Every structure is written in C-alpha cells, then in structure tokens.
Amino acid sequence: MDRIENKVLSLIQDNISDKTIRILELTPGQGRLTRLLLDNGYTNIEALDINPENFKVEGVTCHRGDLNKPLPFETNVFDLIISVEGIEHLEHQYQFASEINRVIKKNSFAIISTPNIVNFASRLRFLLTGFYSLAERPSSEFSKNWVVEHIYPITFWQLRHILHTNGLFIKNIETDHIRRSALIGLLFYPLSYFATWKAMRKETDIPQRQKNMEILNQMHKPAIYLGRTQIILAKKEDHSYIKNQ
C-alpha cells in the first residue's frame, strides 16, 4: 500500500498546487494516507469509513458512512476525493461514481485506485483458472464480508465507463509498480494491440469507435498492460451530452 499512497501523493502534487483544498478520503483504514497528506502540508482533510473507530489520525474527522449509499455531504463541497482500493468492494459502483460527481466541485478531481485485473499476468491467470489476480477464488457464499472481499473487480475499460458516464473524465493513469510476472506480455504486445484494435473496430457507432481508439491506447500503456494497480486521476467536467435511456 505504501507504493500506492506515494503515487497518489505524487498525482496530487503534480496536478493541484493549492494545499488548502478540501479533501475527502474514502475508506481510509487507520489513516496512513491521511498522515502522509498532513506531513506534506495538506491541512483541510476529512475521511469517511464504515468503521470510523479504526481511524487513528488525531485532528481529522472520520465520518461514518457506507459507500453503497449516498454520501452524507452537501453538493459541490470538495476539491478532491480519494478512494484507494475501495470500488472493488462495492455493490453499486455507478452510484458511487455519481455520488463522487455530486459532492465535488466543477473542475475538481477524484483519484480512484483498484487492482488492475487486465495486466498481462492477470490475463494469463484468467486463461488458465477463470480467475483474475487479486480475485483468485470465489467469494464466500456463507457471509457477506464485503469490507474484505473483492466482490466486483473491474477492468480498466469498465472503470473508465463508470467514471466517464458520471462526468469524471480520466486525465492520468498510473500504477504502483510494474509486475515482473507481466513482463512476458511484452512478447505479445503487438499481437495484443492488433487483436484489441480489430475487436474495437467492429463498433458501428462512429463516436464510440473513436473513443475505442483512446481506450485501445490506454489499455496498452505500461501502467495498465503491466502494472499491478490502476490508479486513475479523473476530473469533473460537463457530461450533459450523455443520453439517459
């Protein structure tokens, strides 16, 4: 987790110069990332967790909340929301993204991280076992311990769809580190690129086919093709052109 937290800090420092921004960290655990932010001069931080009693950072309020439900905040109040390794535990991922859009200000940011199940090593695991990396066996059918279990691991393109259709547009893609076990994928990179391009070219909707070319290139960035974790920086922008049917 230290690598993820350091990458999140780097993304913030590279894209937001104002250290007085109002930040909300979701599912902070004991608060390691919160401490890191405080140590680097960010002072206006709040947190939210289903078990806030586990949060150990003095002077920072940790609200009680369930990310499968509406966030207990007013509209357009935060400058940055951070969710590290949370979305894969949720039943209602589109609602979650919609709530992030609601509570952050226009042109503000969200940082979402989740296990990258489409790196090449994970693809090989799925080919052989039917399970992805970091989701390597069925979830328990005898208890709903969804705080721990990855009930809905998501691919990059699914995460992009969740974010973009809720007005959170991807600006940067990072990873915590490159998986050595995925490096064999470099041998198959041209084949993977071509096969994915060929599949995406079958899209008959012209605007979406153009977007598919963006997705094609993003899926073949080292952070996604080889990385362990997908760490996404997204920005709230107008999405009124998206049709609701």
C-alpha atoms as a PDB file:
ATOM      1  CA  MET A   1       0.000   0.000   0.000  1.00  0.00           C
ATOM      2  CA  ASP A   2       2.899   2.415   0.614  1.00  0.00           C
ATOM      3  CA  ARG A   3       3.617   2.495  -3.121  1.00  0.00           C
ATOM      4  CA  ILE A   4       0.007   3.310  -3.905  1.00  0.00           C
ATOM      5  CA  GLU A   5      -0.134   6.055  -1.301  1.00  0.00           C
ATOM      6  CA  ASN A   6       3.099   7.606  -2.556  1.00  0.00           C
ATOM      7  CA  LYS A   7       1.784   7.558  -6.121  1.00  0.00           C
ATOM      8  CA  VAL A   8      -1.471   9.184  -5.007  1.00  0.00           C
ATOM      9  CA  LEU A   9       0.523  11.915  -3.258  1.00  0.00           C
ATOM     10  CA  SER A  10       2.592  12.428  -6.412  1.00  0.00           C
ATOM     11  CA  LEU A  11      -0.543  12.758  -8.553  1.00  0.00           C
ATOM     12  CA  ILE A  12      -1.933  15.373  -6.186  1.00  0.00           C
ATOM     13  CA  GLN A  13       1.305  17.360  -6.088  1.00  0.00           C
ATOM     14  CA  ASP A  14       1.630  17.273  -9.881  1.00  0.00           C
ATOM     15  CA  ASN A  15      -1.925  18.460 -10.553  1.00  0.00           C
ATOM     16  CA  ILE A  16      -3.042  20.600  -7.598  1.00  0.00           C
ATOM     17  CA  SER A  17      -0.838  23.374  -6.242  1.00  0.00           C
ATOM     18  CA  ASP A  18      -3.203  24.650  -3.539  1.00  0.00           C
ATOM     19  CA  LYS A  19      -2.608  22.799  -0.259  1.00  0.00           C
ATOM     20  CA  THR A  20      -5.665  24.347   1.393  1.00  0.00           C
ATOM     21  CA  ILE A  21      -8.090  22.394  -0.798  1.00  0.00           C
ATOM     22  CA  ARG A  22     -10.847  20.458   0.941  1.00  0.00           C
ATOM     23  CA  ILE A  23     -10.031  16.743   0.645  1.00  0.00           C
ATOM     24  CA  LEU A  24     -12.216  13.728   1.419  1.00  0.00           C
ATOM     25  CA  GLU A  25     -10.551  10.343   1.766  1.00  0.00           C
ATOM     26  CA  LEU A  26     -12.902   7.377   1.489  1.00  0.00           C
ATOM     27  CA  THR A  27     -12.211   4.076   3.282  1.00  0.00           C
ATOM     28  CA  PRO A  28      -9.004   5.379   4.908  1.00  0.00           C
ATOM     29  CA  GLY A  29      -8.442   2.432   7.263  1.00  0.00           C
ATOM     30  CA  GLN A  30      -6.202   3.606  10.075  1.00  0.00           C
ATOM     31  CA  GLY A  31      -5.272   6.716   8.110  1.00  0.00           C
ATOM     32  CA  ARG A  32      -1.818   6.143   6.617  1.00  0.00           C
ATOM     33  CA  LEU A  33      -2.554   8.204   3.516  1.00  0.00           C
ATOM     34  CA  THR A  34      -4.140  10.935   5.632  1.00  0.00           C
ATOM     35  CA  ARG A  35      -0.932  11.158   7.704  1.00  0.00           C
ATOM     36  CA  LEU A  36       1.125  11.324   4.517  1.00  0.00           C
ATOM     37  CA  LEU A  37      -1.007  14.197   3.240  1.00  0.00           C
ATOM     38  CA  LEU A  38      -0.732  16.038   6.557  1.00  0.00           C
ATOM     39  CA  ASP A  39       3.036  15.559   6.588  1.00  0.00           C
ATOM     40  CA  ASN A  40       3.176  17.170   3.137  1.00  0.00           C
ATOM     41  CA  GLY A  41       1.229  20.273   4.106  1.00  0.00           C
ATOM     42  CA  TYR A  42      -2.390  19.402   3.263  1.00  0.00           C
ATOM     43  CA  THR A  43      -4.462  20.522   6.228  1.00  0.00           C
ATOM     44  CA  ASN A  44      -8.129  20.510   5.199  1.00  0.00           C
ATOM     45  CA  ILE A  45      -8.806  16.772   5.212  1.00  0.00           C
ATOM     46  CA  GLU A  46     -11.827  14.706   6.178  1.00  0.00           C
ATOM     47  CA  ALA A  47     -12.386  10.963   5.975  1.00  0.00           C
ATOM     48  CA  LEU A  48     -15.296   8.553   5.744  1.00  0.00           C
ATOM     49  CA  ASP A  49     -15.384   4.877   6.618  1.00  0.00           C
ATOM     50  CA  ILE A  50     -17.928   2.215   7.501  1.00  0.00           C
ATOM     51  CA  ASN A  51     -15.829   1.572  10.632  1.00  0.00           C
ATOM     52  CA  PRO A  52     -14.556   5.037  11.642  1.00  0.00           C
ATOM     53  CA  GLU A  53     -13.415   3.717  15.032  1.00  0.00           C
ATOM     54  CA  ASN A  54     -10.417   2.177  13.221  1.00  0.00           C
ATOM     55  CA  PHE A  55      -9.205   5.605  12.071  1.00  0.00           C
ATOM     56  CA  LYS A  56      -6.211   6.757  14.158  1.00  0.00           C
ATOM     57  CA  VAL A  57      -5.318  10.267  12.961  1.00  0.00           C
ATOM     58  CA  GLU A  58      -5.914  12.901  15.612  1.00  0.00           C
ATOM     59  CA  GLY A  59      -7.395  16.188  14.488  1.00  0.00           C
ATOM     60  CA  VAL A  60      -9.025  14.733  11.358  1.00  0.00           C
ATOM     61  CA  THR A  61     -12.741  13.937  11.384  1.00  0.00           C
ATOM     62  CA  CYS A  62     -13.681  10.469  10.149  1.00  0.00           C
ATOM     63  CA  HIS A  63     -17.385  10.320   9.341  1.00  0.00           C
ATOM     64  CA  ARG A  64     -19.347   7.095   9.432  1.00  0.00           C
ATOM     65  CA  GLY A  65     -20.712   6.096   6.035  1.00  0.00           C
ATOM     66  CA  ASP A  66     -21.454   3.250   3.636  1.00  0.00           C
ATOM     67  CA  LEU A  67     -20.188   3.762   0.085  1.00  0.00           C
ATOM     68  CA  ASN A  68     -23.093   1.713  -1.243  1.00  0.00           C
ATOM     69  CA  LYS A  69     -25.350   4.535  -0.046  1.00  0.00           C
ATOM     70  CA  PRO A  70     -25.436   8.295  -0.739  1.00  0.00           C
ATOM     71  CA  LEU A  71     -22.535  10.213   0.754  1.00  0.00           C
ATOM     72  CA  PRO A  72     -23.584  12.285   3.803  1.00  0.00           C
ATOM     73  CA  PHE A  73     -22.372  15.611   2.374  1.00  0.00           C
ATOM     74  CA  GLU A  74     -23.791  18.634   0.590  1.00  0.00           C
ATOM     75  CA  THR A  75     -23.412  19.063  -3.179  1.00  0.00           C
ATOM     76  CA  ASN A  76     -20.275  20.691  -4.685  1.00  0.00           C
ATOM     77  CA  VAL A  77     -18.239  20.983  -1.480  1.00  0.00           C
ATOM     78  CA  PHE A  78     -14.981  19.049  -2.023  1.00  0.00           C
ATOM     79  CA  ASP A  79     -11.983  19.859  -4.201  1.00  0.00           C
ATOM     80  CA  LEU A  80     -10.611  16.318  -4.189  1.00  0.00           C
ATOM     81  CA  ILE A  81     -11.931  12.875  -3.327  1.00  0.00           C
ATOM     82  CA  ILE A  82      -9.597   9.925  -2.881  1.00  0.00           C
ATOM     83  CA  SER A  83     -10.682   6.283  -2.871  1.00  0.00           C
ATOM     84  CA  VAL A  84      -7.824   3.797  -2.518  1.00  0.00           C
ATOM     85  CA  GLU A  85      -8.753   0.147  -3.073  1.00  0.00           C
ATOM     86  CA  GLY A  86     -12.439   0.655  -2.365  1.00  0.00           C
ATOM     87  CA  ILE A  87     -14.549   0.409  -5.515  1.00  0.00           C
ATOM     88  CA  GLU A  88     -13.938  -3.331  -5.980  1.00  0.00           C
ATOM     89  CA  HIS A  89     -15.775  -3.954  -2.686  1.00  0.00           C
ATOM     90  CA  LEU A  90     -18.981  -2.170  -3.704  1.00  0.00           C
ATOM     91  CA  GLU A  91     -22.329  -3.398  -4.978  1.00  0.00           C
ATOM     92  CA  HIS A  92     -23.301  -0.104  -6.595  1.00  0.00           C
ATOM     93  CA  GLN A  93     -20.260   1.201  -8.448  1.00  0.00           C
ATOM     94  CA  TYR A  94     -22.086   3.532 -10.836  1.00  0.00           C
ATOM     95  CA  GLN A  95     -23.997   5.093  -7.942  1.00  0.00           C
ATOM     96  CA  PHE A  96     -20.668   5.515  -6.140  1.00  0.00           C
ATOM     97  CA  ALA A  97     -19.219   7.461  -9.080  1.00  0.00           C
ATOM     98  CA  SER A  98     -22.391   9.532  -9.327  1.00  0.00           C
ATOM     99  CA  GLU A  99     -22.062  10.471  -5.659  1.00  0.00           C
ATOM    100  CA  ILE A 100     -18.440  11.499  -6.147  1.00  0.00           C
ATOM    101  CA  ASN A 101     -19.538  13.731  -9.017  1.00  0.00           C
ATOM    102  CA  ARG A 102     -22.252  15.243  -6.836  1.00  0.00           C
ATOM    103  CA  VAL A 103     -20.098  16.208  -3.870  1.00  0.00           C
ATOM    104  CA  ILE A 104     -17.034  17.564  -5.696  1.00  0.00           C
ATOM    105  CA  LYS A 105     -16.906  20.986  -7.304  1.00  0.00           C
ATOM    106  CA  LYS A 106     -16.791  21.570 -11.055  1.00  0.00           C
ATOM    107  CA  ASN A 107     -13.287  21.050 -12.476  1.00  0.00           C
ATOM    108  CA  SER A 108     -12.236  19.291  -9.275  1.00  0.00           C
ATOM    109  CA  PHE A 109     -10.575  15.893  -9.089  1.00  0.00           C
ATOM    110  CA  ALA A 110     -11.079  12.339  -7.939  1.00  0.00           C
ATOM    111  CA  ILE A 111      -8.369   9.715  -7.540  1.00  0.00           C
ATOM    112  CA  ILE A 112      -9.522   6.105  -7.690  1.00  0.00           C
ATOM    113  CA  SER A 113      -7.308   3.068  -7.287  1.00  0.00           C
ATOM    114  CA  THR A 114      -8.283  -0.563  -7.699  1.00  0.00           C
ATOM    115  CA  PRO A 115      -6.476  -3.829  -8.528  1.00  0.00           C
ATOM    116  CA  ASN A 116      -5.538  -3.994 -12.200  1.00  0.00           C
ATOM    117  CA  ILE A 117      -7.049  -7.254 -13.401  1.00  0.00           C
ATOM    118  CA  VAL A 118      -6.090  -6.723 -17.040  1.00  0.00           C
ATOM    119  CA  ASN A 119      -2.309  -6.675 -16.724  1.00  0.00           C
ATOM    120  CA  PHE A 120      -0.829  -9.472 -18.792  1.00  0.00           C
ATOM    121  CA  ALA A 121      -0.069 -11.755 -15.826  1.00  0.00           C
ATOM    122  CA  SER A 122      -3.675 -11.468 -14.676  1.00  0.00           C
ATOM    123  CA  ARG A 123      -4.894 -12.274 -18.179  1.00  0.00           C
ATOM    124  CA  LEU A 124      -2.814 -15.447 -18.158  1.00  0.00           C
ATOM    125  CA  ARG A 125      -4.226 -16.416 -14.766  1.00  0.00           C
ATOM    126  CA  PHE A 126      -7.748 -15.893 -16.074  1.00  0.00           C
ATOM    127  CA  LEU A 127      -6.987 -18.001 -19.151  1.00  0.00           C
ATOM    128  CA  LEU A 128      -5.835 -20.916 -17.006  1.00  0.00           C
ATOM    129  CA  THR A 129      -8.128 -20.669 -13.976  1.00  0.00           C
ATOM    130  CA  GLY A 130     -11.052 -18.401 -14.791  1.00  0.00           C
ATOM    131  CA  PHE A 131      -9.961 -16.021 -12.003  1.00  0.00           C
ATOM    132  CA  TYR A 132      -8.013 -12.780 -12.080  1.00  0.00           C
ATOM    133  CA  SER A 133      -5.050 -11.772  -9.948  1.00  0.00           C
ATOM    134  CA  LEU A 134      -6.150 -10.438  -6.547  1.00  0.00           C
ATOM    135  CA  ALA A 135      -9.516 -12.140  -7.148  1.00  0.00           C
ATOM    136  CA  GLU A 136      -8.135 -15.641  -7.297  1.00  0.00           C
ATOM    137  CA  ARG A 137     -11.020 -17.683  -5.899  1.00  0.00           C
ATOM    138  CA  PRO A 138     -14.797 -17.415  -5.398  1.00  0.00           C
ATOM    139  CA  SER A 139     -16.096 -15.078  -2.716  1.00  0.00           C
ATOM    140  CA  SER A 140     -17.686 -16.743   0.300  1.00  0.00           C
ATOM    141  CA  GLU A 141     -21.324 -17.730  -0.096  1.00  0.00           C
ATOM    142  CA  PHE A 142     -21.710 -18.057   3.685  1.00  0.00           C
ATOM    143  CA  SER A 143     -21.080 -14.468   4.737  1.00  0.00           C
ATOM    144  CA  LYS A 144     -21.211 -11.025   3.157  1.00  0.00           C
ATOM    145  CA  ASN A 145     -17.825  -9.797   4.338  1.00  0.00           C
ATOM    146  CA  TRP A 146     -17.577  -7.280   1.545  1.00  0.00           C
ATOM    147  CA  VAL A 147     -15.306  -4.980   3.515  1.00  0.00           C
ATOM    148  CA  VAL A 148     -12.601  -7.600   2.900  1.00  0.00           C
ATOM    149  CA  GLU A 149     -13.640  -9.419  -0.269  1.00  0.00           C
ATOM    150  CA  HIS A 150     -13.228  -8.110  -3.809  1.00  0.00           C
ATOM    151  CA  ILE A 151     -16.796  -8.818  -4.894  1.00  0.00           C
ATOM    152  CA  TYR A 152     -16.622  -6.734  -8.093  1.00  0.00           C
ATOM    153  CA  PRO A 153     -13.084  -6.476  -9.501  1.00  0.00           C
ATOM    154  CA  ILE A 154     -13.238  -4.318 -12.621  1.00  0.00           C
ATOM    155  CA  THR A 155     -11.242  -3.968 -15.801  1.00  0.00           C
ATOM    156  CA  PHE A 156      -9.804  -0.647 -16.902  1.00  0.00           C
ATOM    157  CA  TRP A 157     -12.416  -0.137 -19.604  1.00  0.00           C
ATOM    158  CA  GLN A 158     -15.214  -0.855 -17.124  1.00  0.00           C
ATOM    159  CA  LEU A 159     -13.765   1.654 -14.653  1.00  0.00           C
ATOM    160  CA  ARG A 160     -13.473   4.211 -17.446  1.00  0.00           C
ATOM    161  CA  HIS A 161     -17.128   3.635 -18.376  1.00  0.00           C
ATOM    162  CA  ILE A 162     -18.231   4.027 -14.739  1.00  0.00           C
ATOM    163  CA  LEU A 163     -16.312   7.285 -14.410  1.00  0.00           C
ATOM    164  CA  HIS A 164     -16.963   8.860 -17.814  1.00  0.00           C
ATOM    165  CA  THR A 165     -20.711   8.206 -17.798  1.00  0.00           C
ATOM    166  CA  ASN A 166     -20.807  10.022 -14.454  1.00  0.00           C
ATOM    167  CA  GLY A 167     -18.867  13.087 -15.589  1.00  0.00           C
ATOM    168  CA  LEU A 168     -15.476  12.068 -14.189  1.00  0.00           C
ATOM    169  CA  PHE A 169     -13.064  12.102 -17.116  1.00  0.00           C
ATOM    170  CA  ILE A 170      -9.698  10.362 -16.951  1.00  0.00           C
ATOM    171  CA  LYS A 171      -6.696  12.701 -17.112  1.00  0.00           C
ATOM    172  CA  ASN A 172      -3.894  10.446 -15.966  1.00  0.00           C
ATOM    173  CA  ILE A 173      -3.262   6.731 -15.475  1.00  0.00           C
ATOM    174  CA  GLU A 174      -0.574   5.441 -13.124  1.00  0.00           C
ATOM    175  CA  THR A 175       0.359   2.252 -11.323  1.00  0.00           C
ATOM    176  CA  ASP A 176       2.146   1.463  -8.080  1.00  0.00           C
ATOM    177  CA  HIS A 177       4.655  -0.833  -9.786  1.00  0.00           C
ATOM    178  CA  ILE A 178       5.234  -2.994 -12.864  1.00  0.00           C
ATOM    179  CA  ARG A 179       4.641  -6.698 -12.248  1.00  0.00           C
ATOM    180  CA  ARG A 180       7.666  -8.773 -13.220  1.00  0.00           C
ATOM    181  CA  SER A 181       5.348 -11.686 -13.985  1.00  0.00           C
ATOM    182  CA  ALA A 182       3.598  -9.486 -16.564  1.00  0.00           C
ATOM    183  CA  LEU A 183       6.767  -8.656 -18.483  1.00  0.00           C
ATOM    184  CA  ILE A 184       6.322 -11.724 -20.673  1.00  0.00           C
ATOM    185  CA  GLY A 185       3.453  -9.750 -22.126  1.00  0.00           C
ATOM    186  CA  LEU A 186       5.956  -7.570 -23.966  1.00  0.00           C
ATOM    187  CA  LEU A 187       6.487 -10.501 -26.329  1.00  0.00           C
ATOM    188  CA  PHE A 188       2.790 -10.470 -27.141  1.00  0.00           C
ATOM    189  CA  TYR A 189       2.342  -6.693 -27.175  1.00  0.00           C
ATOM    190  CA  PRO A 190       1.977  -6.315 -30.982  1.00  0.00           C
ATOM    191  CA  LEU A 191      -0.465  -9.224 -31.138  1.00  0.00           C
ATOM    192  CA  SER A 192      -2.469  -7.896 -28.192  1.00  0.00           C
ATOM    193  CA  TYR A 193      -2.632  -4.410 -29.702  1.00  0.00           C
ATOM    194  CA  PHE A 194      -3.714  -5.712 -33.100  1.00  0.00           C
ATOM    195  CA  ALA A 195      -6.310  -8.142 -31.724  1.00  0.00           C
ATOM    196  CA  THR A 196      -7.802  -5.463 -29.479  1.00  0.00           C
ATOM    197  CA  TRP A 197      -7.820  -2.941 -32.334  1.00  0.00           C
ATOM    198  CA  LYS A 198      -9.568  -5.446 -34.594  1.00  0.00           C
ATOM    199  CA  ALA A 199     -12.229  -6.170 -31.984  1.00  0.00           C
ATOM    200  CA  MET A 200     -12.864  -2.495 -31.288  1.00  0.00           C
ATOM    201  CA  ARG A 201     -13.136  -1.665 -34.986  1.00  0.00           C
ATOM    202  CA  LYS A 202     -16.337  -3.723 -35.088  1.00  0.00           C
ATOM    203  CA  GLU A 203     -18.141  -0.947 -33.208  1.00  0.00           C
ATOM    204  CA  THR A 204     -20.754   0.524 -35.555  1.00  0.00           C
ATOM    205  CA  ASP A 205     -21.374   3.748 -33.628  1.00  0.00           C
ATOM    206  CA  ILE A 206     -18.821   6.192 -35.071  1.00  0.00           C
ATOM    207  CA  PRO A 207     -18.343   8.424 -31.986  1.00  0.00           C
ATOM    208  CA  GLN A 208     -17.870   5.360 -29.778  1.00  0.00           C
ATOM    209  CA  ARG A 209     -15.468   3.807 -32.274  1.00  0.00           C
ATOM    210  CA  GLN A 210     -13.346   6.950 -31.966  1.00  0.00           C
ATOM    211  CA  LYS A 211     -13.440   6.629 -28.170  1.00  0.00           C
ATOM    212  CA  ASN A 212     -12.472   2.979 -28.517  1.00  0.00           C
ATOM    213  CA  MET A 213      -9.191   4.059 -30.060  1.00  0.00           C
ATOM    214  CA  GLU A 214      -8.473   6.064 -26.897  1.00  0.00           C
ATOM    215  CA  ILE A 215      -9.300   3.003 -24.804  1.00  0.00           C
ATOM    216  CA  LEU A 216      -7.092   0.835 -27.011  1.00  0.00           C
ATOM    217  CA  ASN A 217      -4.086   3.077 -26.375  1.00  0.00           C
ATOM    218  CA  GLN A 218      -4.828   3.437 -22.662  1.00  0.00           C
ATOM    219  CA  MET A 219      -5.106  -0.337 -22.234  1.00  0.00           C
ATOM    220  CA  HIS A 220      -1.650  -0.702 -23.764  1.00  0.00           C
ATOM    221  CA  LYS A 221       0.060   1.870 -21.593  1.00  0.00           C
ATOM    222  CA  PRO A 222       2.633   0.189 -19.287  1.00  0.00           C
ATOM    223  CA  ALA A 223       0.564   1.154 -16.228  1.00  0.00           C
ATOM    224  CA  ILE A 224      -2.370  -0.982 -17.441  1.00  0.00           C
ATOM    225  CA  TYR A 225      -0.683  -3.611 -19.582  1.00  0.00           C
ATOM    226  CA  LEU A 226       1.979  -4.417 -16.985  1.00  0.00           C
ATOM    227  CA  GLY A 227       1.001  -2.665 -13.732  1.00  0.00           C
ATOM    228  CA  ARG A 228      -0.307  -4.222 -10.525  1.00  0.00           C
ATOM    229  CA  THR A 229      -2.746  -1.448  -9.575  1.00  0.00           C
ATOM    230  CA  GLN A 230      -4.675   1.015 -11.732  1.00  0.00           C
ATOM    231  CA  ILE A 231      -4.507   4.487 -10.202  1.00  0.00           C
ATOM    232  CA  ILE A 232      -6.747   6.914 -12.030  1.00  0.00           C
ATOM    233  CA  LEU A 233      -6.866  10.705 -11.816  1.00  0.00           C
ATOM    234  CA  ALA A 234     -10.237  11.958 -13.082  1.00  0.00           C
ATOM    235  CA  LYS A 235     -11.661  15.455 -13.402  1.00  0.00           C
ATOM    236  CA  LYS A 236     -15.285  16.553 -13.056  1.00  0.00           C
ATOM    237  CA  GLU A 237     -16.426  18.006 -16.370  1.00  0.00           C
ATOM    238  CA  ASP A 238     -19.723  18.518 -18.185  1.00  0.00           C
ATOM    239  CA  HIS A 239     -21.323  15.284 -19.330  1.00  0.00           C
ATOM    240  CA  SER A 240     -24.785  16.559 -20.276  1.00  0.00           C
ATOM    241  CA  TYR A 241     -24.288  15.192 -23.795  1.00  0.00           C
ATOM    242  CA  ILE A 242     -24.551  11.617 -22.493  1.00  0.00           C
ATOM    243  CA  LYS A 243     -28.031  10.242 -23.176  1.00  0.00           C
ATOM    244  CA  ASN A 244     -30.000   8.527 -20.440  1.00  0.00           C
ATOM    245  CA  GLN A 245     -32.227   5.837 -21.865  1.00  0.00           C
END
